[in-house]
């Protein structure tokens, strides 16, 4: 289980680094724009994003959509790197004990 935890953390760190690099390259080219998680999801499969929004808004918790939307607007590296660091450090500390 610790190995899975560590690999998941490393994967999140790699994805976060790739998103930060993509954002940096976009900025260097002269277009200062953030790469949000919602944009990535929309580019991969727009219909699933719209379906997820409808599921949340029409379901039992419509009040939950605004916080989720706030997360989808945030820069993707900011949502991927911190959990990756926490997972890597937590798994590393447990394996030493």
C-alpha atoms as a PDB file:
ATOM      1  CA  UNK A   1       0.000   0.000   0.000  1.00  0.00           C
ATOM      2  CA  UNK A   2       2.872   2.368   0.764  1.00  0.00           C
ATOM      3  CA  UNK A   3       4.323   1.724  -2.651  1.00  0.00           C
ATOM      4  CA  UNK A   4       1.032   2.642  -4.317  1.00  0.00           C
ATOM      5  CA  UNK A   5       0.832   5.792  -2.172  1.00  0.00           C
ATOM      6  CA  UNK A   6       4.350   6.800  -3.151  1.00  0.00           C
ATOM      7  CA  UNK A   7       3.806   6.132  -6.851  1.00  0.00           C
ATOM      8  CA  UNK A   8       0.541   8.069  -6.816  1.00  0.00           C
ATOM      9  CA  UNK A   9       2.383  10.995  -5.228  1.00  0.00           C
ATOM     10  CA  UNK A  10       5.161  10.820  -7.802  1.00  0.00           C
ATOM     11  CA  UNK A  11       2.568  10.702 -10.580  1.00  0.00           C
ATOM     12  CA  UNK A  12       0.830  13.790  -9.231  1.00  0.00           C
ATOM     13  CA  UNK A  13       4.175  15.577  -8.981  1.00  0.00           C
ATOM     14  CA  UNK A  14       5.024  14.701 -12.585  1.00  0.00           C
ATOM     15  CA  UNK A  15       1.623  15.877 -13.836  1.00  0.00           C
ATOM     16  CA  UNK A  16       1.936  19.070 -11.800  1.00  0.00           C
ATOM     17  CA  UNK A  17       5.416  19.740 -13.154  1.00  0.00           C
ATOM     18  CA  UNK A  18       4.210  19.153 -16.711  1.00  0.00           C
ATOM     19  CA  UNK A  19       1.304  21.562 -16.195  1.00  0.00           C
ATOM     20  CA  UNK A  20       3.628  24.186 -14.690  1.00  0.00           C
ATOM     21  CA  UNK A  21       6.041  23.781 -17.595  1.00  0.00           C
ATOM     22  CA  UNK A  22       3.225  24.120 -20.129  1.00  0.00           C
ATOM     23  CA  UNK A  23       2.031  27.276 -18.375  1.00  0.00           C
ATOM     24  CA  UNK A  24       5.572  28.663 -18.302  1.00  0.00           C
ATOM     25  CA  UNK A  25       6.082  27.980 -22.009  1.00  0.00           C
ATOM     26  CA  UNK A  26       2.778  29.670 -22.799  1.00  0.00           C
ATOM     27  CA  UNK A  27       3.876  32.693 -20.775  1.00  0.00           C
ATOM     28  CA  UNK A  28       7.266  32.835 -22.535  1.00  0.00           C
ATOM     29  CA  UNK A  29       5.501  32.837 -25.914  1.00  0.00           C
ATOM     30  CA  UNK A  30       3.690  35.987 -24.874  1.00  0.00           C
ATOM     31  CA  UNK A  31       0.268  34.722 -23.848  1.00  0.00           C
ATOM     32  CA  UNK A  32      -0.001  35.012 -20.055  1.00  0.00           C
ATOM     33  CA  UNK A  33      -2.739  32.522 -19.327  1.00  0.00           C
ATOM     34  CA  UNK A  34      -3.159  29.923 -16.628  1.00  0.00           C
ATOM     35  CA  UNK A  35      -3.802  26.312 -17.512  1.00  0.00           C
ATOM     36  CA  UNK A  36      -6.688  25.292 -15.287  1.00  0.00           C
ATOM     37  CA  UNK A  37      -7.916  21.817 -14.482  1.00  0.00           C
ATOM     38  CA  UNK A  38     -11.253  22.677 -16.104  1.00  0.00           C
ATOM     39  CA  UNK A  39      -9.524  23.608 -19.369  1.00  0.00           C
ATOM     40  CA  UNK A  40      -7.632  20.333 -19.408  1.00  0.00           C
ATOM     41  CA  UNK A  41     -10.811  18.360 -18.687  1.00  0.00           C
ATOM     42  CA  UNK A  42     -12.679  20.311 -21.401  1.00  0.00           C
ATOM     43  CA  UNK A  43      -9.973  19.556 -23.972  1.00  0.00           C
ATOM     44  CA  UNK A  44      -9.957  15.856 -23.121  1.00  0.00           C
ATOM     45  CA  UNK A  45     -13.737  15.329 -23.040  1.00  0.00           C
ATOM     46  CA  UNK A  46     -16.073  18.328 -22.951  1.00  0.00           C
ATOM     47  CA  UNK A  47     -19.245  16.230 -22.745  1.00  0.00           C
ATOM     48  CA  UNK A  48     -18.163  14.556 -19.524  1.00  0.00           C
ATOM     49  CA  UNK A  49     -17.490  17.935 -17.910  1.00  0.00           C
ATOM     50  CA  UNK A  50     -20.946  19.186 -18.868  1.00  0.00           C
ATOM     51  CA  UNK A  51     -22.460  15.913 -17.673  1.00  0.00           C
ATOM     52  CA  UNK A  52     -20.632  16.154 -14.368  1.00  0.00           C
ATOM     53  CA  UNK A  53     -21.918  19.698 -13.896  1.00  0.00           C
ATOM     54  CA  UNK A  54     -25.479  18.573 -14.606  1.00  0.00           C
ATOM     55  CA  UNK A  55     -25.102  15.628 -12.239  1.00  0.00           C
ATOM     56  CA  UNK A  56     -23.980  17.889  -9.405  1.00  0.00           C
ATOM     57  CA  UNK A  57     -26.462  20.698 -10.081  1.00  0.00           C
ATOM     58  CA  UNK A  58     -29.509  18.465 -10.595  1.00  0.00           C
ATOM     59  CA  UNK A  59     -28.547  15.981  -7.894  1.00  0.00           C
ATOM     60  CA  UNK A  60     -29.011  16.124  -4.165  1.00  0.00           C
ATOM     61  CA  UNK A  61     -26.268  18.732  -3.616  1.00  0.00           C
ATOM     62  CA  UNK A  62     -26.613  21.712  -6.006  1.00  0.00           C
ATOM     63  CA  UNK A  63     -24.818  23.900  -3.461  1.00  0.00           C
ATOM     64  CA  UNK A  64     -21.670  21.865  -4.152  1.00  0.00           C
ATOM     65  CA  UNK A  65     -21.137  23.130  -7.723  1.00  0.00           C
ATOM     66  CA  UNK A  66     -19.695  26.619  -6.897  1.00  0.00           C
ATOM     67  CA  UNK A  67     -16.815  25.196  -4.776  1.00  0.00           C
ATOM     68  CA  UNK A  68     -16.092  22.594  -7.463  1.00  0.00           C
ATOM     69  CA  UNK A  69     -16.139  25.317 -10.104  1.00  0.00           C
ATOM     70  CA  UNK A  70     -13.633  27.306  -8.047  1.00  0.00           C
ATOM     71  CA  UNK A  71     -11.311  24.282  -8.051  1.00  0.00           C
ATOM     72  CA  UNK A  72     -11.755  23.815 -11.809  1.00  0.00           C
ATOM     73  CA  UNK A  73     -10.726  27.438 -12.426  1.00  0.00           C
ATOM     74  CA  UNK A  74      -7.578  27.237 -10.283  1.00  0.00           C
ATOM     75  CA  UNK A  75      -4.203  26.582 -11.937  1.00  0.00           C
ATOM     76  CA  UNK A  76      -3.746  22.863 -12.445  1.00  0.00           C
ATOM     77  CA  UNK A  77      -0.218  22.721 -11.012  1.00  0.00           C
ATOM     78  CA  UNK A  78      -1.524  24.278  -7.815  1.00  0.00           C
ATOM     79  CA  UNK A  79      -4.021  21.442  -7.434  1.00  0.00           C
ATOM     80  CA  UNK A  80      -1.606  18.633  -8.341  1.00  0.00           C
ATOM     81  CA  UNK A  81       1.724  19.454  -6.669  1.00  0.00           C
ATOM     82  CA  UNK A  82       0.675  19.889  -2.995  1.00  0.00           C
ATOM     83  CA  UNK A  83      -1.210  16.564  -2.746  1.00  0.00           C
ATOM     84  CA  UNK A  84       1.690  14.877  -4.541  1.00  0.00           C
ATOM     85  CA  UNK A  85       4.169  16.273  -2.027  1.00  0.00           C
ATOM     86  CA  UNK A  86       1.977  15.231   0.884  1.00  0.00           C
ATOM     87  CA  UNK A  87       1.636  11.683  -0.451  1.00  0.00           C
ATOM     88  CA  UNK A  88       5.348  11.297  -1.173  1.00  0.00           C
ATOM     89  CA  UNK A  89       6.382  12.671   2.212  1.00  0.00           C
ATOM     90  CA  UNK A  90       3.739  10.693   4.134  1.00  0.00           C
ATOM     91  CA  UNK A  91       4.720   7.427   2.464  1.00  0.00           C
ATOM     92  CA  UNK A  92       8.400   8.171   2.946  1.00  0.00           C
ATOM     93  CA  UNK A  93       8.022   8.949   6.633  1.00  0.00           C
ATOM     94  CA  UNK A  94       5.977   5.811   7.259  1.00  0.00           C
ATOM     95  CA  UNK A  95       8.498   3.579   5.526  1.00  0.00           C
ATOM     96  CA  UNK A  96      11.338   4.816   7.787  1.00  0.00           C
ATOM     97  CA  UNK A  97       9.509   4.016  11.009  1.00  0.00           C
END
